[in-house]
Amino acid sequence: MPARIYQQSKPVGQSGLAGTRKWVFEYGQGAPRKQDALMGWTGSADTRSQLRLLFDSREAAEAYAQHEQIAYEVEQPAQRHRRPKVYADNFGYNRIQNWTH
């Protein structure tokens, strides 16, 4: 399975953009996962699948993959649709719902 190069998306429950500017390089799954009979934990003999490398740009991540001769796929980030909101609209006279405070 080829490696993935992508830009991490913004966390849904937070408004900040920390950690979304870096590009992530993840190795693909090289060995099948198996479940432990005693504890039920899932494990694998492939330790590369646990690695996540961070790069400042997509080009740097691609250069690393090409230098190490690793097959990769680049996933382009989705465009954010920003809807500007005005705080004063919460107190407008034409508000649909009643103001409860």
N, C-alpha and C. Protein backbone atom coordinates (compact mmCIF):
# COMPACT_ATOMS: atom_id res chain seq x y z
N MET A 1 0.85 -1.18 0.00
CA MET A 1 0.00 0.00 0.00
C MET A 1 0.90 1.24 0.00
N PRO A 2 0.61 2.20 -0.86
CA PRO A 2 1.48 3.38 -0.92
C PRO A 2 1.29 4.29 0.30
N ALA A 3 2.28 5.12 0.51
CA ALA A 3 2.24 6.08 1.61
C ALA A 3 1.27 7.21 1.27
N ARG A 4 0.79 7.90 2.31
CA ARG A 4 -0.14 9.03 2.13
C ARG A 4 0.56 10.31 2.52
N ILE A 5 0.38 11.33 1.70
CA ILE A 5 0.84 12.68 2.02
C ILE A 5 -0.39 13.56 2.03
N TYR A 6 -0.69 14.17 3.17
CA TYR A 6 -1.89 14.99 3.28
C TYR A 6 -1.66 16.10 4.28
N GLN A 7 -2.57 17.06 4.25
CA GLN A 7 -2.54 18.16 5.21
C GLN A 7 -3.67 17.93 6.19
N GLN A 8 -3.35 17.94 7.47
CA GLN A 8 -4.32 17.62 8.50
C GLN A 8 -5.42 18.67 8.54
N SER A 9 -6.65 18.22 8.73
CA SER A 9 -7.78 19.14 8.77
C SER A 9 -7.94 19.74 10.17
N LYS A 10 -8.74 20.78 10.26
CA LYS A 10 -8.99 21.46 11.52
C LYS A 10 -9.87 20.57 12.41
N PRO A 11 -9.57 20.49 13.70
CA PRO A 11 -10.44 19.73 14.59
C PRO A 11 -11.85 20.32 14.62
N VAL A 12 -12.85 19.49 14.62
CA VAL A 12 -14.23 19.94 14.53
C VAL A 12 -14.65 20.71 15.78
N GLY A 13 -14.21 20.26 16.94
CA GLY A 13 -14.65 20.88 18.18
C GLY A 13 -13.86 22.11 18.58
N GLN A 14 -12.93 22.54 17.75
CA GLN A 14 -12.11 23.69 18.10
C GLN A 14 -12.11 24.68 16.95
N SER A 15 -11.88 25.94 17.29
CA SER A 15 -11.88 26.96 16.26
C SER A 15 -10.48 27.31 15.78
N GLY A 16 -9.45 26.87 16.49
CA GLY A 16 -8.08 27.21 16.12
C GLY A 16 -7.56 26.39 14.95
N LEU A 17 -6.50 26.87 14.35
CA LEU A 17 -5.91 26.20 13.20
C LEU A 17 -4.54 25.60 13.53
N ALA A 18 -4.24 25.39 14.81
CA ALA A 18 -2.94 24.85 15.19
C ALA A 18 -2.78 23.44 14.64
N GLY A 19 -1.62 23.17 14.06
CA GLY A 19 -1.32 21.85 13.54
C GLY A 19 -1.89 21.56 12.16
N THR A 20 -2.52 22.53 11.53
CA THR A 20 -3.12 22.28 10.22
C THR A 20 -2.26 22.78 9.07
N ARG A 21 -1.17 23.44 9.35
CA ARG A 21 -0.34 23.97 8.29
C ARG A 21 0.75 23.00 7.84
N LYS A 22 1.04 22.00 8.64
CA LYS A 22 2.06 21.01 8.31
C LYS A 22 1.48 19.92 7.41
N TRP A 23 2.35 19.30 6.64
CA TRP A 23 1.98 18.17 5.79
C TRP A 23 2.43 16.89 6.48
N VAL A 24 1.58 15.87 6.46
CA VAL A 24 1.82 14.62 7.16
C VAL A 24 2.16 13.54 6.15
N PHE A 25 3.20 12.78 6.45
CA PHE A 25 3.60 11.63 5.63
C PHE A 25 3.36 10.38 6.47
N GLU A 26 2.46 9.51 6.02
CA GLU A 26 2.17 8.26 6.72
C GLU A 26 2.46 7.09 5.80
N TYR A 27 3.18 6.12 6.31
CA TYR A 27 3.44 4.90 5.55
C TYR A 27 2.15 4.09 5.44
N GLY A 28 2.02 3.34 4.37
CA GLY A 28 0.86 2.46 4.21
C GLY A 28 1.01 1.21 5.05
N GLN A 29 -0.04 0.44 5.13
CA GLN A 29 -0.04 -0.80 5.90
C GLN A 29 0.71 -1.85 5.11
N GLY A 30 1.86 -2.33 5.64
CA GLY A 30 2.70 -3.28 4.93
C GLY A 30 2.41 -4.73 5.27
N ALA A 31 1.82 -4.97 6.43
CA ALA A 31 1.51 -6.33 6.87
C ALA A 31 0.10 -6.34 7.43
N PRO A 32 -0.59 -7.47 7.32
CA PRO A 32 -1.97 -7.50 7.84
C PRO A 32 -1.99 -7.41 9.36
N ARG A 33 -3.05 -6.84 9.87
CA ARG A 33 -3.22 -6.76 11.32
C ARG A 33 -3.86 -8.06 11.80
N LYS A 34 -3.51 -8.45 13.01
CA LYS A 34 -4.09 -9.66 13.58
C LYS A 34 -4.47 -9.39 15.03
N GLN A 35 -5.46 -10.12 15.49
CA GLN A 35 -5.97 -9.92 16.83
C GLN A 35 -5.32 -10.95 17.76
N ASP A 36 -4.90 -10.48 18.93
CA ASP A 36 -4.30 -11.35 19.92
C ASP A 36 -5.39 -12.22 20.54
N ALA A 37 -5.13 -13.52 20.66
CA ALA A 37 -6.15 -14.44 21.17
C ALA A 37 -6.41 -14.25 22.66
N LEU A 38 -5.38 -13.90 23.43
CA LEU A 38 -5.54 -13.79 24.88
C LEU A 38 -6.21 -12.48 25.30
N MET A 39 -5.67 -11.34 24.86
CA MET A 39 -6.16 -10.04 25.30
C MET A 39 -7.13 -9.37 24.33
N GLY A 40 -7.11 -9.79 23.07
CA GLY A 40 -8.00 -9.19 22.09
C GLY A 40 -7.44 -7.92 21.46
N TRP A 41 -6.17 -7.60 21.74
CA TRP A 41 -5.55 -6.41 21.17
C TRP A 41 -5.23 -6.65 19.70
N THR A 42 -5.24 -5.61 18.93
CA THR A 42 -4.89 -5.71 17.52
C THR A 42 -3.44 -5.32 17.36
N GLY A 43 -2.68 -6.16 16.64
CA GLY A 43 -1.26 -5.89 16.45
C GLY A 43 -0.85 -6.17 15.02
N SER A 44 0.38 -5.82 14.71
CA SER A 44 0.91 -6.02 13.38
C SER A 44 2.42 -6.15 13.47
N ALA A 45 2.99 -6.83 12.51
CA ALA A 45 4.44 -6.96 12.45
C ALA A 45 5.07 -5.75 11.76
N ASP A 46 4.26 -4.89 11.20
CA ASP A 46 4.73 -3.73 10.46
C ASP A 46 4.85 -2.53 11.39
N THR A 47 6.08 -2.14 11.72
CA THR A 47 6.27 -1.00 12.63
C THR A 47 6.25 0.33 11.88
N ARG A 48 6.42 0.31 10.56
CA ARG A 48 6.40 1.57 9.79
C ARG A 48 5.02 2.22 9.81
N SER A 49 3.97 1.42 9.95
CA SER A 49 2.62 2.00 9.93
C SER A 49 2.35 2.87 11.15
N GLN A 50 3.22 2.82 12.15
CA GLN A 50 3.05 3.65 13.34
C GLN A 50 3.70 5.02 13.19
N LEU A 51 4.47 5.22 12.13
CA LEU A 51 5.21 6.47 11.95
C LEU A 51 4.37 7.54 11.26
N ARG A 52 4.51 8.76 11.74
CA ARG A 52 3.92 9.94 11.11
C ARG A 52 4.99 11.00 11.06
N LEU A 53 5.41 11.35 9.86
CA LEU A 53 6.43 12.37 9.69
C LEU A 53 5.77 13.68 9.30
N LEU A 54 6.20 14.79 9.88
CA LEU A 54 5.65 16.11 9.59
C LEU A 54 6.63 16.91 8.75
N PHE A 55 6.12 17.58 7.72
CA PHE A 55 6.93 18.41 6.84
C PHE A 55 6.29 19.78 6.73
N ASP A 56 7.10 20.79 6.46
CA ASP A 56 6.59 22.15 6.32
C ASP A 56 5.86 22.38 5.00
N SER A 57 6.19 21.59 3.97
CA SER A 57 5.54 21.77 2.68
C SER A 57 5.30 20.43 2.02
N ARG A 58 4.40 20.42 1.06
CA ARG A 58 4.10 19.21 0.31
C ARG A 58 5.31 18.79 -0.51
N GLU A 59 6.03 19.76 -1.05
CA GLU A 59 7.19 19.46 -1.88
C GLU A 59 8.27 18.75 -1.06
N ALA A 60 8.44 19.15 0.19
CA ALA A 60 9.43 18.50 1.04
C ALA A 60 9.05 17.05 1.33
N ALA A 61 7.77 16.80 1.55
CA ALA A 61 7.31 15.43 1.79
C ALA A 61 7.48 14.58 0.53
N GLU A 62 7.18 15.15 -0.64
CA GLU A 62 7.35 14.42 -1.89
C GLU A 62 8.83 14.15 -2.15
N ALA A 63 9.69 15.11 -1.85
CA ALA A 63 11.13 14.92 -2.04
C ALA A 63 11.65 13.80 -1.15
N TYR A 64 11.15 13.72 0.08
CA TYR A 64 11.55 12.63 0.98
C TYR A 64 11.13 11.28 0.42
N ALA A 65 9.89 11.19 -0.06
CA ALA A 65 9.39 9.93 -0.61
C ALA A 65 10.18 9.52 -1.86
N GLN A 66 10.51 10.47 -2.70
CA GLN A 66 11.28 10.16 -3.90
C GLN A 66 12.72 9.76 -3.55
N HIS A 67 13.31 10.43 -2.55
CA HIS A 67 14.67 10.09 -2.14
C HIS A 67 14.74 8.69 -1.55
N GLU A 68 13.71 8.31 -0.77
CA GLU A 68 13.66 6.98 -0.15
C GLU A 68 13.03 5.93 -1.07
N GLN A 69 12.60 6.33 -2.26
CA GLN A 69 11.98 5.45 -3.26
C GLN A 69 10.75 4.74 -2.69
N ILE A 70 9.85 5.55 -2.14
CA ILE A 70 8.61 5.06 -1.56
C ILE A 70 7.46 5.53 -2.44
N ALA A 71 6.58 4.61 -2.82
CA ALA A 71 5.39 4.99 -3.58
C ALA A 71 4.47 5.80 -2.67
N TYR A 72 3.87 6.86 -3.21
CA TYR A 72 3.04 7.73 -2.38
C TYR A 72 1.86 8.28 -3.18
N GLU A 73 0.85 8.74 -2.44
CA GLU A 73 -0.31 9.42 -3.00
C GLU A 73 -0.48 10.73 -2.25
N VAL A 74 -0.77 11.79 -2.97
CA VAL A 74 -0.97 13.10 -2.35
C VAL A 74 -2.47 13.39 -2.31
N GLU A 75 -2.97 13.72 -1.13
CA GLU A 75 -4.38 14.10 -0.97
C GLU A 75 -4.42 15.62 -0.76
N GLN A 76 -5.07 16.30 -1.67
CA GLN A 76 -5.17 17.76 -1.58
C GLN A 76 -6.18 18.12 -0.49
N PRO A 77 -5.90 19.16 0.29
CA PRO A 77 -6.84 19.56 1.35
C PRO A 77 -8.10 20.18 0.76
N ALA A 78 -9.21 19.97 1.43
CA ALA A 78 -10.48 20.56 1.01
C ALA A 78 -10.47 22.06 1.34
N GLN A 79 -11.10 22.85 0.49
CA GLN A 79 -11.16 24.28 0.72
C GLN A 79 -12.18 24.58 1.83
N ARG A 80 -11.81 25.47 2.74
CA ARG A 80 -12.70 25.86 3.81
C ARG A 80 -13.68 26.92 3.32
N HIS A 81 -14.92 26.77 3.71
CA HIS A 81 -15.93 27.76 3.39
C HIS A 81 -16.22 28.56 4.66
N ARG A 82 -15.75 29.77 4.69
CA ARG A 82 -15.93 30.61 5.87
C ARG A 82 -17.21 31.42 5.73
N ARG A 83 -18.00 31.39 6.78
CA ARG A 83 -19.22 32.18 6.82
C ARG A 83 -19.05 33.23 7.91
N PRO A 84 -18.80 34.47 7.52
CA PRO A 84 -18.60 35.49 8.56
C PRO A 84 -19.90 35.74 9.33
N LYS A 85 -19.76 35.88 10.64
CA LYS A 85 -20.89 36.13 11.51
C LYS A 85 -20.64 37.41 12.30
N VAL A 86 -21.69 38.10 12.61
CA VAL A 86 -21.61 39.34 13.37
C VAL A 86 -22.27 39.10 14.72
N TYR A 87 -21.58 39.43 15.80
CA TYR A 87 -22.10 39.22 17.14
C TYR A 87 -23.38 40.01 17.38
N ALA A 88 -23.50 41.17 16.77
CA ALA A 88 -24.68 42.02 16.99
C ALA A 88 -25.96 41.37 16.45
N ASP A 89 -25.82 40.42 15.52
CA ASP A 89 -27.01 39.74 15.00
C ASP A 89 -27.72 38.92 16.07
N ASN A 90 -27.05 38.57 17.15
CA ASN A 90 -27.70 37.84 18.24
C ASN A 90 -28.77 38.68 18.93
N PHE A 91 -28.68 40.00 18.82
CA PHE A 91 -29.60 40.89 19.53
C PHE A 91 -30.49 41.68 18.57
N GLY A 92 -30.57 41.27 17.33
CA GLY A 92 -31.36 41.99 16.34
C GLY A 92 -32.86 41.87 16.60
N TYR A 93 -33.62 42.87 16.21
CA TYR A 93 -35.08 42.84 16.41
C TYR A 93 -35.76 41.89 15.44
N ASN A 94 -35.11 41.55 14.36
CA ASN A 94 -35.70 40.65 13.39
C ASN A 94 -35.22 39.21 13.58
N ARG A 95 -34.76 38.89 14.77
CA ARG A 95 -34.28 37.55 15.08
C ARG A 95 -35.45 36.58 15.07
N ILE A 96 -35.23 35.39 14.52
CA ILE A 96 -36.30 34.40 14.37
C ILE A 96 -36.67 33.79 15.73
N GLN A 97 -35.67 33.43 16.52
CA GLN A 97 -35.94 32.82 17.82
C GLN A 97 -35.94 33.89 18.90
N ASN A 98 -36.62 33.59 20.02
CA ASN A 98 -36.64 34.52 21.13
C ASN A 98 -35.28 34.57 21.79
N TRP A 99 -34.94 35.74 22.31
CA TRP A 99 -33.70 35.89 23.05
C TRP A 99 -33.98 35.46 24.49
N THR A 100 -33.22 34.49 25.01
CA THR A 100 -33.58 33.87 26.29
C THR A 100 -32.76 34.38 27.46
N HIS A 101 -31.90 35.34 27.27
CA HIS A 101 -31.08 35.77 28.39
C HIS A 101 -31.64 37.00 29.05
